[in-house]
Amino acid sequence: GLALRLLPQDKEGSNAGRLDVAGLILSSTGVMGITY
């Protein structure tokens, strides 16, 4: 409730580009593998 009311609502960014799916799979697998 406080976040919806008080945090500055920034605009959705068009400069984010496409999601790097390969990077996501590799990084998440890496961090999860080391964590486990």
PDB file of all heavy atoms in Angstrom:
ATOM      1  N   GLY A   1       0.817  -1.213   0.000  1.00  0.00           N
ATOM      2  CA  GLY A   1       0.000   0.000   0.000  1.00  0.00           C
ATOM      3  C   GLY A   1       0.848   1.259   0.000  1.00  0.00           C
ATOM      4  O   GLY A   1       0.579   2.212  -0.765  1.00  0.00           O
ATOM      5  N   LEU A   2       1.876   1.289   0.834  1.00  0.00           N
ATOM      6  CA  LEU A   2       2.747   2.460   0.894  1.00  0.00           C
ATOM      7  C   LEU A   2       3.539   2.632  -0.396  1.00  0.00           C
ATOM      8  O   LEU A   2       3.758   3.763  -0.852  1.00  0.00           O
ATOM      9  CB  LEU A   2       3.699   2.344   2.081  1.00  0.00           C
ATOM     10  CG  LEU A   2       3.064   2.443   3.475  1.00  0.00           C
ATOM     11  CD1 LEU A   2       4.108   2.195   4.557  1.00  0.00           C
ATOM     12  CD2 LEU A   2       2.420   3.818   3.671  1.00  0.00           C
ATOM     13  N   ALA A   3       3.962   1.518  -0.994  1.00  0.00           N
ATOM     14  CA  ALA A   3       4.719   1.598  -2.247  1.00  0.00           C
ATOM     15  C   ALA A   3       3.866   2.183  -3.364  1.00  0.00           C
ATOM     16  O   ALA A   3       4.332   3.032  -4.143  1.00  0.00           O
ATOM     17  CB  ALA A   3       5.238   0.218  -2.634  1.00  0.00           C
ATOM     18  N   LEU A   4       2.618   1.734  -3.452  1.00  0.00           N
ATOM     19  CA  LEU A   4       1.714   2.260  -4.480  1.00  0.00           C
ATOM     20  C   LEU A   4       1.449   3.748  -4.289  1.00  0.00           C
ATOM     21  O   LEU A   4       1.282   4.496  -5.256  1.00  0.00           O
ATOM     22  CB  LEU A   4       0.391   1.491  -4.460  1.00  0.00           C
ATOM     23  CG  LEU A   4       0.446   0.043  -4.966  1.00  0.00           C
ATOM     24  CD1 LEU A   4      -0.865  -0.678  -4.677  1.00  0.00           C
ATOM     25  CD2 LEU A   4       0.754   0.006  -6.463  1.00  0.00           C
ATOM     26  N   ARG A   5       1.462   4.176  -3.052  1.00  0.00           N
ATOM     27  CA  ARG A   5       1.115   5.561  -2.749  1.00  0.00           C
ATOM     28  C   ARG A   5       2.328   6.499  -2.779  1.00  0.00           C
ATOM     29  O   ARG A   5       2.212   7.655  -3.225  1.00  0.00           O
ATOM     30  CB  ARG A   5       0.454   5.631  -1.370  1.00  0.00           C
ATOM     31  CG  ARG A   5       0.036   7.038  -0.942  1.00  0.00           C
ATOM     32  CD  ARG A   5      -0.652   7.004   0.414  1.00  0.00           C
ATOM     33  NE  ARG A   5      -1.018   8.327   0.866  1.00  0.00           N
ATOM     34  CZ  ARG A   5      -2.112   8.973   0.513  1.00  0.00           C
ATOM     35  NH1 ARG A   5      -2.969   8.394  -0.309  1.00  0.00           N
ATOM     36  NH2 ARG A   5      -2.369  10.191   0.977  1.00  0.00           N
ATOM     37  N   LEU A   6       3.490   6.008  -2.344  1.00  0.00           N
ATOM     38  CA  LEU A   6       4.609   6.912  -2.085  1.00  0.00           C
ATOM     39  C   LEU A   6       5.784   6.793  -3.049  1.00  0.00           C
ATOM     40  O   LEU A   6       6.520   7.757  -3.222  1.00  0.00           O
ATOM     41  CB  LEU A   6       5.126   6.690  -0.649  1.00  0.00           C
ATOM     42  CG  LEU A   6       4.117   6.938   0.475  1.00  0.00           C
ATOM     43  CD1 LEU A   6       4.746   6.633   1.825  1.00  0.00           C
ATOM     44  CD2 LEU A   6       3.598   8.379   0.435  1.00  0.00           C
ATOM     45  N   LEU A   7       5.978   5.633  -3.666  1.00  0.00           N
ATOM     46  CA  LEU A   7       7.138   5.497  -4.550  1.00  0.00           C
ATOM     47  C   LEU A   7       6.903   6.225  -5.870  1.00  0.00           C
ATOM     48  O   LEU A   7       5.800   6.181  -6.425  1.00  0.00           O
ATOM     49  CB  LEU A   7       7.441   4.027  -4.839  1.00  0.00           C
ATOM     50  CG  LEU A   7       8.001   3.189  -3.689  1.00  0.00           C
ATOM     51  CD1 LEU A   7       8.309   1.786  -4.163  1.00  0.00           C
ATOM     52  CD2 LEU A   7       9.240   3.840  -3.093  1.00  0.00           C
ATOM     53  N   PRO A   8       7.914   6.901  -6.399  1.00  0.00           N
ATOM     54  CA  PRO A   8       7.765   7.583  -7.699  1.00  0.00           C
ATOM     55  C   PRO A   8       7.565   6.563  -8.808  1.00  0.00           C
ATOM     56  O   PRO A   8       8.358   5.636  -8.956  1.00  0.00           O
ATOM     57  CB  PRO A   8       9.088   8.332  -7.851  1.00  0.00           C
ATOM     58  CG  PRO A   8      10.056   7.581  -6.991  1.00  0.00           C
ATOM     59  CD  PRO A   8       9.266   7.046  -5.839  1.00  0.00           C
ATOM     60  N   GLN A   9       6.504   6.723  -9.572  1.00  0.00           N
ATOM     61  CA  GLN A   9       6.190   5.763 -10.624  1.00  0.00           C
ATOM     62  C   GLN A   9       6.901   6.158 -11.915  1.00  0.00           C
ATOM     63  O   GLN A   9       6.485   7.067 -12.621  1.00  0.00           O
ATOM     64  CB  GLN A   9       4.667   5.707 -10.854  1.00  0.00           C
ATOM     65  CG  GLN A   9       3.881   5.202  -9.657  1.00  0.00           C
ATOM     66  CD  GLN A   9       4.236   3.772  -9.305  1.00  0.00           C
ATOM     67  OE1 GLN A   9       4.336   2.919 -10.163  1.00  0.00           O
ATOM     68  NE2 GLN A   9       4.432   3.532  -8.006  1.00  0.00           N
ATOM     69  N   ASP A  10       8.023   5.492 -12.198  1.00  0.00           N
ATOM     70  CA  ASP A  10       8.752   5.788 -13.414  1.00  0.00           C
ATOM     71  C   ASP A  10       8.077   5.144 -14.616  1.00  0.00           C
ATOM     72  O   ASP A  10       7.317   4.190 -14.493  1.00  0.00           O
ATOM     73  CB  ASP A  10      10.202   5.307 -13.311  1.00  0.00           C
ATOM     74  CG  ASP A  10      10.312   3.977 -12.563  1.00  0.00           C
ATOM     75  OD1 ASP A  10       9.267   3.390 -12.250  1.00  0.00           O
ATOM     76  OD2 ASP A  10      11.441   3.544 -12.307  1.00  0.00           O
ATOM     77  N   LYS A  11       8.362   5.684 -15.782  1.00  0.00           N
ATOM     78  CA  LYS A  11       7.740   5.186 -17.002  1.00  0.00           C
ATOM     79  C   LYS A  11       8.377   3.872 -17.438  1.00  0.00           C
ATOM     80  O   LYS A  11       9.517   3.592 -17.135  1.00  0.00           O
ATOM     81  CB  LYS A  11       7.891   6.218 -18.132  1.00  0.00           C
ATOM     82  CG  LYS A  11       7.179   7.539 -17.853  1.00  0.00           C
ATOM     83  CD  LYS A  11       7.383   8.499 -19.016  1.00  0.00           C
ATOM     84  CE  LYS A  11       6.681   9.816 -18.755  1.00  0.00           C
ATOM     85  NZ  LYS A  11       6.886  10.779 -19.882  1.00  0.00           N
ATOM     86  N   GLU A  12       7.571   3.072 -18.163  1.00  0.00           N
ATOM     87  CA  GLU A  12       8.127   1.851 -18.733  1.00  0.00           C
ATOM     88  C   GLU A  12       9.201   2.221 -19.752  1.00  0.00           C
ATOM     89  O   GLU A  12       9.028   3.136 -20.543  1.00  0.00           O
ATOM     90  CB  GLU A  12       7.028   1.011 -19.401  1.00  0.00           C
ATOM     91  CG  GLU A  12       5.979   0.490 -18.424  1.00  0.00           C
ATOM     92  CD  GLU A  12       5.003  -0.454 -19.088  1.00  0.00           C
ATOM     93  OE1 GLU A  12       5.294  -0.879 -20.211  1.00  0.00           O
ATOM     94  OE2 GLU A  12       3.976  -0.764 -18.475  1.00  0.00           O
ATOM     95  N   GLY A  13      10.300   1.504 -19.720  1.00  0.00           N
ATOM     96  CA  GLY A  13      11.434   1.860 -20.572  1.00  0.00           C
ATOM     97  C   GLY A  13      11.438   1.126 -21.889  1.00  0.00           C
ATOM     98  O   GLY A  13      11.326  -0.093 -21.933  1.00  0.00           O
ATOM     99  N   SER A  14      11.595   1.901 -22.944  1.00  0.00           N
ATOM    100  CA  SER A  14      11.715   1.278 -24.263  1.00  0.00           C
ATOM    101  C   SER A  14      13.170   0.953 -24.580  1.00  0.00           C
ATOM    102  O   SER A  14      13.471   0.288 -25.561  1.00  0.00           O
ATOM    103  CB  SER A  14      11.166   2.238 -25.338  1.00  0.00           C
ATOM    104  OG  SER A  14      11.853   3.479 -25.280  1.00  0.00           O
ATOM    105  N   ASN A  15      14.099   1.463 -23.715  1.00  0.00           N
ATOM    106  CA  ASN A  15      15.520   1.249 -23.969  1.00  0.00           C
ATOM    107  C   ASN A  15      16.043  -0.035 -23.327  1.00  0.00           C
ATOM    108  O   ASN A  15      17.246  -0.267 -23.304  1.00  0.00           O
ATOM    109  CB  ASN A  15      16.334   2.443 -23.448  1.00  0.00           C
ATOM    110  CG  ASN A  15      16.171   2.622 -21.947  1.00  0.00           C
ATOM    111  OD1 ASN A  15      15.218   2.120 -21.359  1.00  0.00           O
ATOM    112  ND2 ASN A  15      17.098   3.355 -21.342  1.00  0.00           N
ATOM    113  N   ALA A  16      15.134  -0.845 -22.784  1.00  0.00           N
ATOM    114  CA  ALA A  16      15.581  -2.080 -22.140  1.00  0.00           C
ATOM    115  C   ALA A  16      16.054  -3.099 -23.171  1.00  0.00           C
ATOM    116  O   ALA A  16      16.873  -3.956 -22.865  1.00  0.00           O
ATOM    117  CB  ALA A  16      14.443  -2.669 -21.303  1.00  0.00           C
ATOM    118  N   GLY A  17      15.544  -2.995 -24.400  1.00  0.00           N
ATOM    119  CA  GLY A  17      15.915  -3.966 -25.424  1.00  0.00           C
ATOM    120  C   GLY A  17      15.213  -5.295 -25.205  1.00  0.00           C
ATOM    121  O   GLY A  17      14.408  -5.466 -24.284  1.00  0.00           O
ATOM    122  N   ARG A  18      15.532  -6.240 -26.054  1.00  0.00           N
ATOM    123  CA  ARG A  18      14.946  -7.578 -25.926  1.00  0.00           C
ATOM    124  C   ARG A  18      15.618  -8.323 -24.787  1.00  0.00           C
ATOM    125  O   ARG A  18      16.790  -8.136 -24.495  1.00  0.00           O
ATOM    126  CB  ARG A  18      15.116  -8.347 -27.235  1.00  0.00           C
ATOM    127  CG  ARG A  18      14.398  -7.720 -28.423  1.00  0.00           C
ATOM    128  CD  ARG A  18      14.595  -8.541 -29.671  1.00  0.00           C
ATOM    129  NE  ARG A  18      14.055  -9.887 -29.525  1.00  0.00           N
ATOM    130  CZ  ARG A  18      14.110 -10.822 -30.468  1.00  0.00           C
ATOM    131  NH1 ARG A  18      14.710 -10.552 -31.628  1.00  0.00           N
ATOM    132  NH2 ARG A  18      13.592 -12.011 -30.261  1.00  0.00           N
ATOM    133  N   LEU A  19      14.836  -9.182 -24.163  1.00  0.00           N
ATOM    134  CA  LEU A  19      15.376  -9.984 -23.069  1.00  0.00           C
ATOM    135  C   LEU A  19      16.426 -10.949 -23.598  1.00  0.00           C
ATOM    136  O   LEU A  19      16.201 -11.667 -24.570  1.00  0.00           O
ATOM    137  CB  LEU A  19      14.252 -10.760 -22.380  1.00  0.00           C
ATOM    138  CG  LEU A  19      14.689 -11.730 -21.261  1.00  0.00           C
ATOM    139  CD1 LEU A  19      15.361 -10.973 -20.125  1.00  0.00           C
ATOM    140  CD2 LEU A  19      13.490 -12.523 -20.740  1.00  0.00           C
ATOM    141  N   ASP A  20      17.575 -10.950 -22.957  1.00  0.00           N
ATOM    142  CA  ASP A  20      18.665 -11.856 -23.313  1.00  0.00           C
ATOM    143  C   ASP A  20      18.369 -13.218 -22.685  1.00  0.00           C
ATOM    144  O   ASP A  20      18.800 -13.516 -21.572  1.00  0.00           O
ATOM    145  CB  ASP A  20      19.987 -11.272 -22.795  1.00  0.00           C
ATOM    146  CG  ASP A  20      21.181 -12.169 -23.076  1.00  0.00           C
ATOM    147  OD1 ASP A  20      21.030 -13.110 -23.886  1.00  0.00           O
ATOM    148  OD2 ASP A  20      22.249 -11.933 -22.489  1.00  0.00           O
ATOM    149  N   VAL A  21      17.614 -14.055 -23.417  1.00  0.00           N
ATOM    150  CA  VAL A  21      17.165 -15.340 -22.883  1.00  0.00           C
ATOM    151  C   VAL A  21      18.349 -16.256 -22.594  1.00  0.00           C
ATOM    152  O   VAL A  21      18.417 -16.908 -21.547  1.00  0.00           O
ATOM    153  CB  VAL A  21      16.177 -16.016 -23.852  1.00  0.00           C
ATOM    154  CG1 VAL A  21      15.764 -17.383 -23.320  1.00  0.00           C
ATOM    155  CG2 VAL A  21      14.953 -15.132 -24.064  1.00  0.00           C
ATOM    156  N   ALA A  22      19.299 -16.310 -23.521  1.00  0.00           N
ATOM    157  CA  ALA A  22      20.475 -17.173 -23.313  1.00  0.00           C
ATOM    158  C   ALA A  22      21.242 -16.728 -22.069  1.00  0.00           C
ATOM    159  O   ALA A  22      21.676 -17.557 -21.257  1.00  0.00           O
ATOM    160  CB  ALA A  22      21.377 -17.130 -24.541  1.00  0.00           C
ATOM    161  N   GLY A  23      21.406 -15.417 -21.916  1.00  0.00           N
ATOM    162  CA  GLY A  23      22.092 -14.899 -20.742  1.00  0.00           C
ATOM    163  C   GLY A  23      21.352 -15.218 -19.458  1.00  0.00           C
ATOM    164  O   GLY A  23      21.962 -15.542 -18.435  1.00  0.00           O
ATOM    165  N   LEU A  24      20.008 -15.143 -19.508  1.00  0.00           N
ATOM    166  CA  LEU A  24      19.197 -15.444 -18.334  1.00  0.00           C
ATOM    167  C   LEU A  24      19.350 -16.905 -17.929  1.00  0.00           C
ATOM    168  O   LEU A  24      19.534 -17.220 -16.745  1.00  0.00           O
ATOM    169  CB  LEU A  24      17.721 -15.128 -18.611  1.00  0.00           C
ATOM    170  CG  LEU A  24      16.737 -15.509 -17.509  1.00  0.00           C
ATOM    171  CD1 LEU A  24      17.058 -14.767 -16.216  1.00  0.00           C
ATOM    172  CD2 LEU A  24      15.301 -15.226 -17.953  1.00  0.00           C
ATOM    173  N   ILE A  25      19.302 -17.799 -18.911  1.00  0.00           N
ATOM    174  CA  ILE A  25      19.424 -19.235 -18.621  1.00  0.00           C
ATOM    175  C   ILE A  25      20.800 -19.537 -18.028  1.00  0.00           C
ATOM    176  O   ILE A  25      20.924 -20.238 -17.016  1.00  0.00           O
ATOM    177  CB  ILE A  25      19.176 -20.063 -19.890  1.00  0.00           C
ATOM    178  CG1 ILE A  25      17.717 -19.918 -20.340  1.00  0.00           C
ATOM    179  CG2 ILE A  25      19.516 -21.531 -19.643  1.00  0.00           C
ATOM    180  CD1 ILE A  25      17.423 -20.559 -21.687  1.00  0.00           C
ATOM    181  N   LEU A  26      21.842 -18.997 -18.645  1.00  0.00           N
ATOM    182  CA  LEU A  26      23.201 -19.274 -18.182  1.00  0.00           C
ATOM    183  C   LEU A  26      23.461 -18.686 -16.795  1.00  0.00           C
ATOM    184  O   LEU A  26      24.015 -19.349 -15.915  1.00  0.00           O
ATOM    185  CB  LEU A  26      24.221 -18.727 -19.182  1.00  0.00           C
ATOM    186  CG  LEU A  26      24.362 -19.493 -20.503  1.00  0.00           C
ATOM    187  CD1 LEU A  26      25.219 -18.715 -21.481  1.00  0.00           C
ATOM    188  CD2 LEU A  26      24.972 -20.874 -20.251  1.00  0.00           C
ATOM    189  N   SER A  27      23.049 -17.420 -16.593  1.00  0.00           N
ATOM    190  CA  SER A  27      23.331 -16.773 -15.312  1.00  0.00           C
ATOM    191  C   SER A  27      22.535 -17.403 -14.182  1.00  0.00           C
ATOM    192  O   SER A  27      23.065 -17.658 -13.089  1.00  0.00           O
ATOM    193  CB  SER A  27      23.029 -15.272 -15.394  1.00  0.00           C
ATOM    194  OG  SER A  27      21.658 -15.046 -15.689  1.00  0.00           O
ATOM    195  N   SER A  28      21.247 -17.673 -14.428  1.00  0.00           N
ATOM    196  CA  SER A  28      20.417 -18.277 -13.382  1.00  0.00           C
ATOM    197  C   SER A  28      20.893 -19.688 -13.048  1.00  0.00           C
ATOM    198  O   SER A  28      20.952 -20.077 -11.877  1.00  0.00           O
ATOM    199  CB  SER A  28      18.949 -18.303 -13.818  1.00  0.00           C
ATOM    200  OG  SER A  28      18.440 -16.988 -13.948  1.00  0.00           O
ATOM    201  N   THR A  29      21.241 -20.458 -14.091  1.00  0.00           N
ATOM    202  CA  THR A  29      21.770 -21.805 -13.848  1.00  0.00           C
ATOM    203  C   THR A  29      23.064 -21.736 -13.050  1.00  0.00           C
ATOM    204  O   THR A  29      23.289 -22.521 -12.119  1.00  0.00           O
ATOM    205  CB  THR A  29      22.016 -22.534 -15.182  1.00  0.00           C
ATOM    206  OG1 THR A  29      20.791 -22.615 -15.910  1.00  0.00           O
ATOM    207  CG2 THR A  29      22.558 -23.934 -14.937  1.00  0.00           C
ATOM    208  N   GLY A  30      23.912 -20.786 -13.398  1.00  0.00           N
ATOM    209  CA  GLY A  30      25.179 -20.648 -12.704  1.00  0.00           C
ATOM    210  C   GLY A  30      25.006 -20.290 -11.238  1.00  0.00           C
ATOM    211  O   GLY A  30      25.591 -20.927 -10.351  1.00  0.00           O
ATOM    212  N   VAL A  31      24.197 -19.266 -10.968  1.00  0.00           N
ATOM    213  CA  VAL A  31      24.010 -18.821  -9.586  1.00  0.00           C
ATOM    214  C   VAL A  31      23.282 -19.887  -8.770  1.00  0.00           C
ATOM    215  O   VAL A  31      23.630 -20.164  -7.618  1.00  0.00           O
ATOM    216  CB  VAL A  31      23.245 -17.484  -9.550  1.00  0.00           C
ATOM    217  CG1 VAL A  31      22.999 -17.057  -8.111  1.00  0.00           C
ATOM    218  CG2 VAL A  31      24.030 -16.404 -10.274  1.00  0.00           C
ATOM    219  N   MET A  32      22.266 -20.523  -9.378  1.00  0.00           N
ATOM    220  CA  MET A  32      21.540 -21.584  -8.671  1.00  0.00           C
ATOM    221  C   MET A  32      22.442 -22.785  -8.400  1.00  0.00           C
ATOM    222  O   MET A  32      22.395 -23.377  -7.319  1.00  0.00           O
ATOM    223  CB  MET A  32      20.326 -22.023  -9.493  1.00  0.00           C
ATOM    224  CG  MET A  32      19.186 -21.029  -9.519  1.00  0.00           C
ATOM    225  SD  MET A  32      17.840 -21.556 -10.615  1.00  0.00           S
ATOM    226  CE  MET A  32      17.277 -23.032  -9.764  1.00  0.00           C
ATOM    227  N   GLY A  33      23.267 -23.151  -9.391  1.00  0.00           N
ATOM    228  CA  GLY A  33      24.162 -24.293  -9.214  1.00  0.00           C
ATOM    229  C   GLY A  33      25.144 -24.069  -8.084  1.00  0.00           C
ATOM    230  O   GLY A  33      25.347 -24.940  -7.233  1.00  0.00           O
ATOM    231  N   ILE A  34      25.737 -22.879  -8.044  1.00  0.00           N
ATOM    232  CA  ILE A  34      26.687 -22.577  -6.978  1.00  0.00           C
ATOM    233  C   ILE A  34      25.984 -22.482  -5.631  1.00  0.00           C
ATOM    234  O   ILE A  34      26.481 -22.990  -4.617  1.00  0.00           O
ATOM    235  CB  ILE A  34      27.432 -21.268  -7.304  1.00  0.00           C
ATOM    236  CG1 ILE A  34      28.352 -21.484  -8.506  1.00  0.00           C
ATOM    237  CG2 ILE A  34      28.234 -20.785  -6.099  1.00  0.00           C
ATOM    238  CD1 ILE A  34      29.039 -20.231  -8.988  1.00  0.00           C
ATOM    239  N   THR A  35      24.805 -21.861  -5.603  1.00  0.00           N
ATOM    240  CA  THR A  35      24.058 -21.720  -4.349  1.00  0.00           C
ATOM    241  C   THR A  35      23.686 -23.082  -3.772  1.00  0.00           C
ATOM    242  O   THR A  35      23.891 -23.350  -2.582  1.00  0.00           O
ATOM    243  CB  THR A  35      22.775 -20.893  -4.570  1.00  0.00           C
ATOM    244  OG1 THR A  35      23.137 -19.592  -5.047  1.00  0.00           O
ATOM    245  CG2 THR A  35      21.991 -20.746  -3.276  1.00  0.00           C
ATOM    246  N   TYR A  36      23.150 -23.968  -4.623  1.00  0.00           N
ATOM    247  CA  TYR A  36      22.776 -25.296  -4.132  1.00  0.00           C
ATOM    248  C   TYR A  36      24.012 -26.097  -3.729  1.00  0.00           C
ATOM    249  O   TYR A  36      24.021 -26.782  -2.700  1.00  0.00           O
ATOM    250  CB  TYR A  36      21.989 -26.067  -5.183  1.00  0.00           C
ATOM    251  CG  TYR A  36      21.676 -27.484  -4.733  1.00  0.00           C
ATOM    252  CD1 TYR A  36      20.713 -27.718  -3.768  1.00  0.00           C
ATOM    253  CD2 TYR A  36      22.387 -28.570  -5.237  1.00  0.00           C
ATOM    254  CE1 TYR A  36      20.455 -29.002  -3.321  1.00  0.00           C
ATOM    255  CE2 TYR A  36      22.135 -29.857  -4.806  1.00  0.00           C
ATOM    256  CZ  TYR A  36      21.155 -30.068  -3.843  1.00  0.00           C
ATOM    257  OH  TYR A  36      20.906 -31.336  -3.393  1.00  0.00           O
TER     258      TYR A  36
END
